Amino acid sequence: MIRFEQVSFTYADAPAPTLRGIDLVIPDGELCLVVGATGAGKSTFLQLLNGLAPRFTGGTLAGRVVIDGRSTADHPPRELADVVGYVGQRPAAGFVTDTVEHELAFVMENLGVPPAAMRRRVEDVLDLLNLHPIRERPLETLSGGQQQRVAIGSVLTASPRVLVLDEPTSALDPAAAEDVLAALARLVHDLGVTVVAAEHRLERVVHLADRALAIDADGTVRSGPVGEVLAGTAMAPPVVRLGELAGWAPLPLSVRDARRAAGAAVAPASPSLRDRLEANGSATHRRAPRPAGAVVASVRGVRATYGPVVALEQVDLDIRAGQVVAVMGRNGSGKSTLLALLAGLRAPARGEVLVAGHRAGDDPRAAALVPQDPLVLLFESTVGAECAAADRDAGAATGTTRALLDRLLPGVPDDRHPRDLSEGQRLALALAVVLAGDPAVVLLDEPTRGLDAAAKRRLIEILDELVTEGRAVVLATHDVEVVADVADRAVVLAAGEVVADDEARTVVCHSPVFAPQVAKVLAPDEWLTVDEVRAALGVAP
C-alpha cells in the first residue's frame, strides 16, 4: 500500500536533510507507529504520505513516495483524498464548517458521495467515536479533545484506505483515547485500513501497533517490531522500562503482560518483582508530596457558563504555594475553563476567584497561563525576537527567556519562525515566554502535548524548581505519567464539578482511568513510577 523508494527531504535553506535515505514498505492493514524526538521529522514523514510535503511545506523531495500505486509527486493531495485521510497536530486549523455534523459531511460533499451514503457514513462515525452527544454543537464550543475526535471522524467518513494521524491522542483524556484507539484497531483488523500514526504518549498505543518506525537524529528511519525498536531508548513507555529493570524477556508492551511478568520468577528459584518489592520496598522509596505553603489562589462557589452550557458548577478550591496541582478529567469536564478563570481571562457567572489576594486578572503578573494552542502567545517573526520581546515585557535580564527555552528544549534555532516549529517546540517557547515573567501561579493547559520523553523530563525538572522557589503550579493534563512524576495533589473534575481532591498518589492509584502504567501493573500496592521501583530495588539509574 505504502512504498518509500530512497526518499530524502530537505527544507528550504536547511543545512541538512530532515529525512534521508528512507527505503521501506508499509503493508496493507497494519497499524504503524512513528516515533522519535520532538523535531526529529515525524510530522514531515506523515506529510509526505499525502503530498503536503513539499507541495505546501516547501522544500525538496528526492526519491518516490507511492500510495496505492499513485506517486505523490504526480498526484496533489486533493487527488489522494479518497485514499489518504490526514489529521494534523492542530485539528481545529482544518475545520471549514460550523457544526460537528456538517464537518463530518464536508469531505464527502467534495468527493461527490451520494446523499444516502453520506448519511449512513456520518451515523457510523458518530457511533464509532462517540460523537452523538455533540453532533449539533458548534465547533468553536468544543474542548480540544472533542475537536480532535471530530477531526478524525471527518476524514473517516471518506472511507480512506490509509489513515495518517499526527498525535491522535494528545488532547484526549485516557478514556477517550482508549475509545479512539479501539476504533482505529477495529478499522485495521476488520476493514484492512492502514493506519500510520505519530505519537509521544506511547503507553497508550504500543500494544496495538504492528510495527514501529523510529526517526533518528540523522534523519534515517529504522523499522521493526515495536519492542525491538523501543528497547533501551528514553522514549520507551513505562511498561517497557519496567520490563528492562526487572529483566523480563520478552519485554511487555501491555499492562496485562507486565502484570503477569511481575508475579513470575525471572529464573528458577529467583524471586518475582512483587516479592523483591515486598522484601525491599518501603514508603521511603515513594515520592512524598511537598509540604503545602500559603494559599496563593482560591476559588469559591464558582459557576462558569458558555451560553446555555454549564462548564463549572459550585467549585471550591485552594491553590497553595510550593505544590504542583494536577487538574484531571474527561474532555469537556471544565479543566481549561478553570485555568482561564484563575488567569483572569474569564469572569465567573457566580462566585469568586482570588489570586495573590486580588481578584483574578487585576494583577496580570500574579498568574500566567500557557493555553493548549501556544501560538496565541507568540507574535514575533523569529524565535530570537520572541525571546527578546519576552525579556523586555517581563523586565527580565537579556537572555532570560532564551536560557529557559534551552533548558526545556535545547537546539531550537533563533532564526526560525514560531509557526515553522514543531508542536512541541512551540509549546516549549510559549512556556519559556510565560516563565520569564516570574509569575506566582503558573497555569499550564496540556503542557506535554507534542513533547518527547526528554523534553518532558526537562519540563518536570523546571516545575520542581518553580515549586521549590515557592510558586504554585496548576497543571491541566491528560498525561497520567507526568502526573505520577511531578504532581503533589490531584483534582478530578466531572461535568464541571469537583469529584476528587486529594494527594495525587491516592487519587490516581485508586482510579482505573487515571492510574499510570506502573500503578496498574503493581496494584494494589501504590507504586507510581519506574524510578520509585528502581530506588526500592537499589538499582542505580
Protein backbone atom coordinates (compact mmCIF):
# COMPACT_ATOMS: atom_id res chain seq x y z
CA MET A 1 0.00 0.00 0.00
CA ILE A 2 2.74 2.49 1.00
CA ARG A 3 6.21 2.45 -0.51
CA PHE A 4 9.19 4.76 0.08
CA GLU A 5 11.91 4.49 -2.55
CA GLN A 6 15.18 6.12 -1.42
CA VAL A 7 13.31 9.15 -0.09
CA SER A 8 15.07 12.21 1.31
CA PHE A 9 13.51 15.56 2.17
CA THR A 10 15.21 18.89 2.80
CA TYR A 11 13.50 22.13 3.84
CA ALA A 12 14.47 25.33 2.07
CA ASP A 13 17.66 26.86 3.50
CA ALA A 14 18.11 23.92 5.89
CA PRO A 15 21.76 22.86 6.24
CA ALA A 16 20.92 19.14 6.08
CA PRO A 17 18.00 16.90 5.11
CA THR A 18 15.30 16.38 7.71
CA LEU A 19 14.77 12.84 6.36
CA ARG A 20 17.27 10.84 4.35
CA GLY A 21 17.61 7.50 2.58
CA ILE A 22 14.21 6.06 3.51
CA ASP A 23 13.53 2.80 1.74
CA LEU A 24 10.64 0.81 3.21
CA VAL A 25 7.20 -0.71 2.63
CA ILE A 26 4.18 -0.46 4.93
CA PRO A 27 1.78 -3.33 4.07
CA ASP A 28 -2.00 -3.08 3.91
CA GLY A 29 -3.94 -3.38 7.14
CA GLU A 30 -1.18 -2.50 9.61
CA LEU A 31 -1.06 0.00 12.44
CA CYS A 32 2.35 1.59 12.07
CA LEU A 33 3.68 3.75 14.91
CA VAL A 34 6.10 6.58 14.04
CA VAL A 35 8.34 7.54 16.96
CA GLY A 36 11.19 9.96 17.50
CA ALA A 37 12.33 13.01 19.42
CA THR A 38 10.49 16.31 19.20
CA GLY A 39 11.51 17.97 15.94
CA ALA A 40 13.05 14.78 14.52
CA GLY A 41 10.81 14.86 11.43
CA LYS A 42 7.76 12.77 12.37
CA SER A 43 5.27 15.34 11.07
CA THR A 44 7.31 15.75 7.89
CA PHE A 45 7.28 11.98 7.36
CA LEU A 46 3.48 11.93 7.70
CA GLN A 47 3.05 14.89 5.35
CA LEU A 48 4.98 13.01 2.69
CA LEU A 49 2.21 10.39 2.68
CA ASN A 50 -0.36 12.66 1.04
CA GLY A 51 1.90 15.15 -0.71
CA LEU A 52 1.54 18.04 1.76
CA ALA A 53 5.33 17.93 1.78
CA PRO A 54 6.68 19.51 -0.32
CA ARG A 55 3.60 20.98 -2.09
CA PHE A 56 2.52 23.07 0.91
CA THR A 57 5.52 22.98 3.20
CA GLY A 58 8.14 23.87 0.60
CA GLY A 59 11.44 22.05 0.43
CA THR A 60 12.92 19.44 -1.89
CA LEU A 61 11.84 15.82 -2.19
CA ALA A 62 14.21 13.22 -3.60
CA GLY A 63 13.05 9.69 -4.36
CA ARG A 64 9.44 8.47 -4.65
CA VAL A 65 6.53 8.01 -2.25
CA VAL A 66 3.87 5.71 -3.71
CA ILE A 67 0.42 5.27 -2.13
CA ASP A 68 -1.85 2.59 -3.57
CA GLY A 69 0.03 2.83 -6.86
CA ARG A 70 -0.09 6.64 -7.02
CA SER A 71 3.05 8.71 -6.75
CA THR A 72 2.67 11.79 -4.53
CA ALA A 73 4.88 13.66 -7.00
CA ASP A 74 2.27 13.18 -9.73
CA HIS A 75 -0.90 13.47 -7.63
CA PRO A 76 -1.60 16.51 -5.41
CA PRO A 77 -3.32 15.99 -2.03
CA ARG A 78 -6.80 16.57 -3.48
CA GLU A 79 -6.30 13.62 -5.84
CA LEU A 80 -5.28 11.42 -2.93
CA ALA A 81 -8.15 12.40 -0.60
CA ASP A 82 -10.13 9.26 -1.44
CA VAL A 83 -7.15 7.09 -0.46
CA VAL A 84 -5.39 9.01 2.33
CA GLY A 85 -7.09 10.70 5.28
CA TYR A 86 -4.81 13.10 7.18
CA VAL A 87 -5.28 14.73 10.60
CA GLY A 88 -2.54 17.10 11.75
CA GLN A 89 -1.41 18.18 15.22
CA ARG A 90 -3.81 21.14 15.30
CA PRO A 91 -7.15 19.66 14.21
CA ALA A 92 -9.14 22.88 14.61
CA ALA A 93 -6.96 24.53 11.95
CA GLY A 94 -8.52 22.23 9.36
CA PHE A 95 -12.18 22.89 10.19
CA VAL A 96 -14.17 24.56 7.42
CA THR A 97 -17.79 24.38 8.65
CA ASP A 98 -19.66 25.48 11.78
CA THR A 99 -21.04 22.34 13.42
CA VAL A 100 -19.90 18.79 14.13
CA GLU A 101 -22.33 17.07 11.75
CA HIS A 102 -21.57 19.46 8.88
CA GLU A 103 -17.82 18.97 9.38
CA LEU A 104 -18.23 15.20 9.18
CA ALA A 105 -20.08 15.55 5.87
CA PHE A 106 -17.82 18.15 4.25
CA VAL A 107 -15.17 15.84 2.75
CA MET A 108 -17.84 13.55 1.29
CA GLU A 109 -19.56 16.52 -0.35
CA ASN A 110 -16.31 17.39 -2.10
CA LEU A 111 -15.85 13.78 -3.21
CA GLY A 112 -19.39 13.61 -4.63
CA VAL A 113 -20.61 10.85 -2.32
CA PRO A 114 -24.38 10.21 -2.81
CA PRO A 115 -26.57 11.74 -0.04
CA ALA A 116 -27.87 8.37 1.19
CA ALA A 117 -24.33 7.05 1.61
CA MET A 118 -23.27 10.30 3.28
CA ARG A 119 -25.99 9.97 5.92
CA ARG A 120 -25.06 6.36 6.67
CA ARG A 121 -21.34 7.13 6.98
CA VAL A 122 -21.97 10.10 9.28
CA GLU A 123 -24.02 7.91 11.60
CA ASP A 124 -21.34 5.21 11.54
CA VAL A 125 -18.63 7.68 12.53
CA LEU A 126 -20.79 9.25 15.23
CA ASP A 127 -21.16 5.78 16.75
CA LEU A 128 -17.51 4.82 16.23
CA LEU A 129 -16.10 7.88 18.02
CA ASN A 130 -18.95 8.51 20.48
CA LEU A 131 -19.79 11.88 18.94
CA HIS A 132 -23.59 11.57 19.17
CA PRO A 133 -23.88 13.82 22.26
CA ILE A 134 -22.21 16.73 20.41
CA ARG A 135 -23.41 16.16 16.84
CA GLU A 136 -25.21 19.52 16.68
CA ARG A 137 -22.69 21.54 18.70
CA PRO A 138 -20.83 24.49 17.11
CA LEU A 139 -17.18 23.54 16.61
CA GLU A 140 -15.96 26.63 18.43
CA THR A 141 -17.61 25.46 21.66
CA LEU A 142 -15.81 22.10 21.75
CA SER A 143 -12.92 21.21 24.01
CA GLY A 144 -9.55 20.40 22.44
CA GLY A 145 -10.15 16.68 22.82
CA GLN A 146 -13.61 16.87 21.30
CA GLN A 147 -12.18 18.80 18.35
CA GLN A 148 -9.59 16.08 17.85
CA ARG A 149 -12.24 13.35 17.69
CA VAL A 150 -14.28 15.39 15.21
CA ALA A 151 -11.21 15.91 13.02
CA ILE A 152 -10.51 12.17 12.97
CA GLY A 153 -14.17 11.50 12.19
CA SER A 154 -14.22 13.99 9.33
CA VAL A 155 -11.57 12.03 7.42
CA LEU A 156 -13.04 8.64 8.32
CA THR A 157 -16.32 9.49 6.57
CA ALA A 158 -14.46 9.47 3.24
CA SER A 159 -13.59 5.77 3.86
CA PRO A 160 -9.86 6.18 3.13
CA ARG A 161 -7.64 3.13 2.75
CA VAL A 162 -4.81 4.91 4.60
CA LEU A 163 -5.34 6.98 7.75
CA VAL A 164 -2.49 9.31 8.75
CA LEU A 165 -2.64 10.77 12.26
CA ASP A 166 -0.24 13.21 13.91
CA GLU A 167 -0.50 12.93 17.71
CA PRO A 168 -4.06 11.50 17.59
CA THR A 169 -4.48 11.14 21.37
CA SER A 170 -2.52 14.18 22.55
CA ALA A 171 -5.62 16.16 23.55
CA LEU A 172 -7.73 13.19 24.66
CA ASP A 173 -8.42 12.04 28.19
CA PRO A 174 -7.39 8.43 28.91
CA ALA A 175 -10.88 7.00 28.43
CA ALA A 176 -11.48 8.90 25.19
CA ALA A 177 -8.03 7.88 23.94
CA GLU A 178 -8.86 4.23 24.60
CA ASP A 179 -12.13 4.64 22.67
CA VAL A 180 -10.42 6.25 19.68
CA LEU A 181 -7.58 3.72 19.62
CA ALA A 182 -10.04 0.85 19.91
CA ALA A 183 -11.91 2.29 16.93
CA LEU A 184 -8.66 2.52 14.95
CA ALA A 185 -7.82 -1.07 15.85
CA ARG A 186 -11.22 -2.17 14.54
CA LEU A 187 -10.57 -0.33 11.28
CA VAL A 188 -7.22 -2.10 10.93
CA HIS A 189 -8.35 -5.58 11.92
CA ASP A 190 -11.86 -5.69 10.46
CA LEU A 191 -11.63 -3.43 7.40
CA GLY A 192 -7.95 -3.65 6.47
CA VAL A 193 -7.34 0.10 6.80
CA THR A 194 -3.67 1.07 7.11
CA VAL A 195 -3.06 3.48 9.99
CA VAL A 196 0.18 5.45 10.26
CA ALA A 197 0.33 7.45 13.49
CA ALA A 198 2.98 9.58 15.17
CA GLU A 199 2.59 9.63 18.94
CA HIS A 200 4.58 10.65 22.01
CA ARG A 201 2.25 9.04 24.58
CA LEU A 202 3.45 5.60 23.62
CA GLU A 203 1.99 3.93 26.69
CA ARG A 204 -1.41 4.34 25.07
CA VAL A 205 -0.71 2.72 21.73
CA VAL A 206 2.34 0.41 21.65
CA HIS A 207 0.32 -2.71 22.46
CA LEU A 208 -1.85 -2.10 19.38
CA ALA A 209 0.91 -1.35 16.87
CA ASP A 210 2.15 -3.93 14.35
CA ARG A 211 5.46 -2.16 13.77
CA ALA A 212 7.37 0.94 14.73
CA LEU A 213 9.30 3.39 12.58
CA ALA A 214 11.92 5.28 14.56
CA ILE A 215 13.24 8.52 13.08
CA ASP A 216 16.78 9.02 14.34
CA ALA A 217 18.64 12.29 14.81
CA ASP A 218 20.37 11.99 11.42
CA GLY A 219 17.04 11.67 9.57
CA THR A 220 17.32 7.96 8.86
CA VAL A 221 14.43 5.62 9.71
CA ARG A 222 14.59 2.26 11.49
CA SER A 223 11.71 -0.17 11.02
CA GLY A 224 10.91 -3.24 13.07
CA PRO A 225 8.82 -4.88 15.81
CA VAL A 226 7.75 -2.36 18.42
CA GLY A 227 9.59 -3.92 21.34
CA GLU A 228 12.87 -4.18 19.44
CA VAL A 229 12.72 -0.58 18.20
CA LEU A 230 11.91 0.89 21.63
CA ALA A 231 14.15 -1.28 23.79
CA GLY A 232 16.87 0.71 25.53
CA THR A 233 15.54 4.09 24.39
CA ALA A 234 14.44 7.03 26.54
CA MET A 235 11.12 7.16 24.70
CA ALA A 236 10.08 3.64 25.77
CA PRO A 237 6.83 3.63 27.79
CA PRO A 238 6.86 2.68 31.50
CA VAL A 239 5.91 -0.99 30.98
CA VAL A 240 8.91 -1.46 28.67
CA ARG A 241 11.29 0.32 31.05
CA LEU A 242 9.88 -1.66 33.98
CA GLY A 243 10.50 -4.86 32.00
CA GLU A 244 14.09 -3.83 31.31
CA LEU A 245 14.62 -3.05 35.01
CA ALA A 246 13.16 -6.41 36.08
CA GLY A 247 14.96 -8.41 33.39
CA TRP A 248 11.82 -9.69 31.67
CA ALA A 249 12.06 -11.30 28.23
CA PRO A 250 10.32 -10.66 26.00
CA LEU A 251 9.67 -7.09 27.05
CA PRO A 252 5.97 -6.44 27.77
CA LEU A 253 4.06 -3.94 25.66
CA SER A 254 0.79 -4.05 27.62
CA VAL A 255 -0.19 -3.72 31.26
CA ARG A 256 -1.71 -7.20 31.13
CA ASP A 257 1.58 -8.80 30.03
CA ALA A 258 3.53 -6.80 32.62
CA ARG A 259 1.19 -7.84 35.44
CA ARG A 260 1.74 -11.48 34.56
CA ALA A 261 5.50 -11.00 34.45
CA ALA A 262 5.54 -9.12 37.78
CA GLY A 263 4.29 -12.19 39.62
CA ALA A 264 6.59 -14.68 37.91
CA ALA A 265 10.19 -15.58 38.66
CA VAL A 266 12.73 -14.37 36.10
CA ALA A 267 14.80 -17.53 36.61
CA PRO A 268 14.31 -20.75 38.64
CA ALA A 269 14.37 -20.09 42.39
CA SER A 270 14.64 -16.32 41.83
CA PRO A 271 12.04 -14.03 43.42
CA SER A 272 9.47 -12.25 41.32
CA LEU A 273 9.38 -8.47 41.08
CA ARG A 274 6.46 -8.37 43.52
CA ASP A 275 8.43 -10.50 46.02
CA ARG A 276 11.51 -8.30 45.66
CA LEU A 277 9.47 -5.15 46.26
CA GLU A 278 7.74 -6.70 49.25
CA ALA A 279 11.14 -7.54 50.72
CA ASN A 280 12.89 -4.25 49.87
CA GLY A 281 10.19 -1.70 49.15
CA SER A 282 9.16 0.77 51.82
CA ALA A 283 7.38 4.09 51.95
CA THR A 284 10.76 5.84 51.98
CA HIS A 285 11.25 4.91 48.32
CA ARG A 286 7.99 6.51 47.24
CA ARG A 287 7.88 10.19 46.35
CA ALA A 288 6.09 12.14 49.08
CA PRO A 289 4.05 15.27 48.32
CA ARG A 290 5.86 18.52 49.04
CA PRO A 291 4.65 20.50 52.06
CA ALA A 292 1.87 22.91 51.20
CA GLY A 293 2.58 26.59 51.71
CA ALA A 294 0.26 29.56 51.99
CA VAL A 295 -2.86 29.86 49.87
CA VAL A 296 -2.00 31.85 46.73
CA ALA A 297 -5.24 31.35 44.82
CA SER A 298 -8.77 30.44 45.87
CA VAL A 299 -11.95 29.55 44.04
CA ARG A 300 -15.18 29.91 45.98
CA GLY A 301 -18.65 28.82 44.87
CA VAL A 302 -17.78 29.32 41.21
CA ARG A 303 -20.17 28.76 38.36
CA ALA A 304 -18.99 29.29 34.77
CA THR A 305 -21.07 29.05 31.60
CA TYR A 306 -20.82 29.29 27.83
CA GLY A 307 -24.30 30.44 26.91
CA PRO A 308 -26.62 27.62 27.99
CA VAL A 309 -23.71 25.21 28.57
CA VAL A 310 -22.57 24.99 32.21
CA ALA A 311 -18.79 24.43 32.32
CA LEU A 312 -18.24 24.63 36.10
CA GLU A 313 -20.74 24.36 38.95
CA GLN A 314 -20.16 25.15 42.64
CA VAL A 315 -16.37 24.70 42.50
CA ASP A 316 -14.35 25.36 45.68
CA LEU A 317 -10.55 25.05 45.60
CA ASP A 318 -7.48 26.41 47.35
CA ILE A 319 -4.16 26.52 45.49
CA ARG A 320 -1.13 26.61 47.78
CA ALA A 321 2.44 27.71 47.13
CA GLY A 322 5.13 25.07 46.80
CA GLN A 323 2.99 22.40 45.19
CA VAL A 324 2.03 21.09 41.76
CA VAL A 325 -1.72 20.56 41.45
CA ALA A 326 -2.88 18.34 38.59
CA VAL A 327 -6.38 19.03 37.28
CA MET A 328 -7.72 15.94 35.55
CA GLY A 329 -11.00 14.83 34.00
CA ARG A 330 -12.64 13.84 30.76
CA ASN A 331 -12.65 16.16 27.74
CA GLY A 332 -15.17 18.91 28.34
CA SER A 333 -15.18 18.50 32.13
CA GLY A 334 -14.15 22.13 32.72
CA LYS A 335 -10.34 21.97 33.14
CA SER A 336 -9.47 24.69 30.64
CA THR A 337 -12.28 26.89 31.95
CA LEU A 338 -10.90 26.60 35.49
CA LEU A 339 -7.45 27.69 34.30
CA ALA A 340 -8.94 30.61 32.35
CA LEU A 341 -10.73 31.78 35.49
CA LEU A 342 -7.52 31.61 37.55
CA ALA A 343 -5.70 33.58 34.85
CA GLY A 344 -8.41 36.24 34.84
CA LEU A 345 -9.26 35.61 31.18
CA ARG A 346 -12.86 34.81 32.09
CA ALA A 347 -15.13 36.05 34.85
CA PRO A 348 -17.31 33.56 36.72
CA ALA A 349 -21.07 33.72 36.32
CA ARG A 350 -21.24 33.29 40.08
CA GLY A 351 -18.71 33.04 42.89
CA GLU A 352 -15.24 34.49 43.42
CA VAL A 353 -11.72 33.79 42.15
CA LEU A 354 -8.81 35.36 44.01
CA VAL A 355 -5.10 35.22 43.11
CA ALA A 356 -2.45 36.66 45.43
CA GLY A 357 -5.19 38.35 47.44
CA HIS A 358 -6.71 40.16 44.45
CA ARG A 359 -9.49 39.38 42.04
CA ALA A 360 -8.11 37.17 39.26
CA GLY A 361 -6.90 39.35 36.39
CA ASP A 362 -6.35 42.52 38.43
CA ASP A 363 -2.62 41.76 38.64
CA PRO A 364 -1.67 40.25 35.27
CA ARG A 365 1.70 39.06 36.61
CA ALA A 366 0.25 37.12 39.53
CA ALA A 367 -0.84 34.20 37.36
CA ALA A 368 0.26 33.26 33.84
CA LEU A 369 -1.35 30.74 31.52
CA VAL A 370 0.10 28.66 28.70
CA PRO A 371 -3.01 27.59 26.72
CA GLN A 372 -3.47 24.43 24.66
CA ASP A 373 -2.58 26.36 21.49
CA PRO A 374 0.74 28.06 22.29
CA LEU A 375 0.65 30.11 19.07
CA VAL A 376 -1.77 32.56 20.69
CA LEU A 377 1.15 33.76 22.86
CA LEU A 378 3.66 34.09 20.02
CA PHE A 379 3.67 37.23 17.88
CA GLU A 380 7.21 37.79 16.59
CA SER A 381 8.68 36.55 13.30
CA THR A 382 11.58 34.59 14.81
CA VAL A 383 12.34 32.62 17.96
CA GLY A 384 15.12 35.05 18.86
CA ALA A 385 12.82 38.06 18.52
CA GLU A 386 10.17 36.28 20.61
CA CYS A 387 12.68 35.66 23.40
CA ALA A 388 13.93 39.26 23.31
CA ALA A 389 10.36 40.63 23.40
CA ALA A 390 9.51 38.40 26.37
CA ASP A 391 12.57 39.69 28.25
CA ARG A 392 11.51 43.30 27.60
CA ASP A 393 7.86 42.72 28.52
CA ALA A 394 8.79 40.94 31.74
CA GLY A 395 11.55 43.38 32.69
CA ALA A 396 13.92 40.41 32.85
CA ALA A 397 17.63 40.33 32.14
CA THR A 398 18.58 39.87 28.49
CA GLY A 399 18.80 36.18 27.66
CA THR A 400 16.43 35.00 30.40
CA THR A 401 13.79 33.59 28.06
CA ARG A 402 16.38 32.04 25.74
CA ALA A 403 18.03 30.31 28.72
CA LEU A 404 14.66 28.92 29.85
CA LEU A 405 13.97 27.65 26.34
CA ASP A 406 17.36 25.97 26.13
CA ARG A 407 16.76 24.19 29.43
CA LEU A 408 13.34 22.96 28.32
CA LEU A 409 14.20 22.06 24.74
CA PRO A 410 17.75 22.76 23.56
CA GLY A 411 18.56 23.47 19.95
CA VAL A 412 15.53 25.49 18.81
CA PRO A 413 17.03 27.85 16.16
CA ASP A 414 16.92 31.59 16.86
CA ASP A 415 16.13 32.41 13.22
CA ARG A 416 13.15 30.02 12.87
CA HIS A 417 9.61 31.42 12.65
CA PRO A 418 7.45 30.13 15.53
CA ARG A 419 4.89 28.80 13.04
CA ASP A 420 7.60 26.67 11.43
CA LEU A 421 8.41 24.92 14.72
CA SER A 422 7.05 21.54 15.68
CA GLU A 423 4.16 21.48 18.15
CA GLY A 424 6.50 20.56 20.98
CA GLN A 425 8.97 23.31 20.09
CA ARG A 426 6.18 25.92 20.01
CA LEU A 427 4.95 24.74 23.39
CA ALA A 428 8.42 24.98 24.89
CA LEU A 429 8.85 28.51 23.52
CA ALA A 430 5.49 29.66 24.90
CA LEU A 431 6.30 28.17 28.30
CA ALA A 432 9.65 29.99 28.34
CA VAL A 433 7.89 33.27 27.47
CA VAL A 434 5.46 32.81 30.37
CA LEU A 435 8.10 31.82 32.90
CA ALA A 436 10.18 34.90 32.06
CA GLY A 437 7.50 36.99 33.80
CA ASP A 438 8.19 35.22 37.12
CA PRO A 439 4.51 34.59 37.97
CA ALA A 440 3.44 33.41 41.45
CA VAL A 441 0.99 30.93 39.91
CA VAL A 442 1.89 29.08 36.70
CA LEU A 443 -1.08 27.64 34.79
CA LEU A 444 -0.38 25.02 32.14
CA ASP A 445 -3.05 23.57 29.87
CA GLU A 446 -1.86 20.25 28.40
CA PRO A 447 1.82 21.32 28.55
CA THR A 448 3.24 17.94 27.48
CA ARG A 449 1.31 17.80 24.22
CA GLY A 450 3.87 17.25 21.49
CA LEU A 451 6.81 16.77 23.88
CA ASP A 452 9.06 13.73 23.74
CA ALA A 453 10.32 11.89 26.83
CA ALA A 454 13.48 14.00 27.17
CA ALA A 455 11.55 17.28 26.92
CA LYS A 456 9.00 16.02 29.47
CA ARG A 457 11.82 15.23 31.87
CA ARG A 458 13.22 18.74 31.46
CA LEU A 459 9.73 20.20 31.98
CA ILE A 460 9.36 18.19 35.20
CA GLU A 461 12.73 19.49 36.42
CA ILE A 462 11.64 23.09 35.76
CA LEU A 463 8.31 22.53 37.55
CA ASP A 464 10.20 21.08 40.51
CA GLU A 465 12.36 24.21 40.62
CA LEU A 466 9.35 26.52 40.37
CA VAL A 467 7.60 24.98 43.37
CA THR A 468 10.87 24.78 45.32
CA GLU A 469 11.11 28.56 44.86
CA GLY A 470 7.64 28.90 46.40
CA ARG A 471 5.45 29.18 43.33
CA ALA A 472 2.29 27.20 42.70
CA VAL A 473 1.79 25.22 39.51
CA VAL A 474 -1.63 24.16 38.25
CA LEU A 475 -1.41 21.56 35.53
CA ALA A 476 -4.49 20.63 33.48
CA THR A 477 -3.49 17.41 31.78
CA HIS A 478 -4.46 14.02 30.44
CA ASP A 479 -0.85 12.81 30.76
CA VAL A 480 -1.14 10.48 33.75
CA GLU A 481 2.55 9.56 33.59
CA VAL A 482 3.59 13.18 34.14
CA VAL A 483 1.09 13.46 37.00
CA ALA A 484 2.75 10.40 38.57
CA ASP A 485 6.17 12.05 38.21
CA VAL A 486 5.51 15.56 39.46
CA ALA A 487 2.06 16.21 40.99
CA ASP A 488 1.60 16.60 44.73
CA ARG A 489 -2.17 16.88 44.58
CA ALA A 490 -4.79 15.84 42.04
CA VAL A 491 -8.19 17.38 41.44
CA VAL A 492 -10.62 15.47 39.25
CA LEU A 493 -13.47 17.30 37.52
CA ALA A 494 -16.57 15.63 36.10
CA ALA A 495 -19.39 17.55 34.42
CA GLY A 496 -17.98 20.77 35.86
CA GLU A 497 -17.90 19.58 39.48
CA VAL A 498 -15.02 18.52 41.73
CA VAL A 499 -15.36 14.78 42.37
CA ALA A 500 -11.92 14.13 43.89
CA ASP A 501 -9.35 16.33 45.61
CA ASP A 502 -6.54 14.59 47.48
CA GLU A 503 -2.89 13.58 47.42
CA ALA A 504 -2.01 12.65 43.82
CA ARG A 505 -0.94 9.09 44.71
CA THR A 506 -4.24 8.40 46.45
CA VAL A 507 -6.34 9.79 43.61
CA VAL A 508 -4.62 8.14 40.64
CA CYS A 509 -3.82 4.76 42.20
CA HIS A 510 -7.48 4.24 43.03
CA SER A 511 -8.70 5.22 39.57
CA PRO A 512 -8.88 2.68 36.72
CA VAL A 513 -8.91 5.58 34.25
CA PHE A 514 -6.20 7.91 35.58
CA ALA A 515 -3.73 5.39 37.02
CA PRO A 516 -0.24 5.38 35.41
CA GLN A 517 1.09 2.15 33.97
CA VAL A 518 3.30 1.17 36.92
CA ALA A 519 0.38 1.61 39.33
CA LYS A 520 -1.75 -0.68 37.16
CA VAL A 521 0.98 -3.30 36.90
CA LEU A 522 1.74 -3.42 40.64
CA ALA A 523 -1.75 -2.79 42.07
CA PRO A 524 -2.92 -2.98 44.80
CA ASP A 525 0.47 -1.69 46.00
CA GLU A 526 0.70 2.05 45.36
CA TRP A 527 3.77 2.43 43.15
CA LEU A 528 3.67 5.27 40.61
CA THR A 529 6.87 5.31 38.56
CA VAL A 530 9.73 3.15 37.36
CA ASP A 531 12.11 5.41 39.29
CA GLU A 532 10.35 4.53 42.57
CA VAL A 533 10.66 0.83 41.80
CA ARG A 534 14.32 1.28 40.83
CA ALA A 535 15.07 3.02 44.14
CA ALA A 536 13.30 0.30 46.12
CA LEU A 537 15.36 -2.38 44.37
CA GLY A 538 18.58 -0.46 44.96
CA VAL A 539 19.41 -0.30 41.24
CA ALA A 540 21.41 2.70 40.05
CA PRO A 541 19.80 4.82 37.28
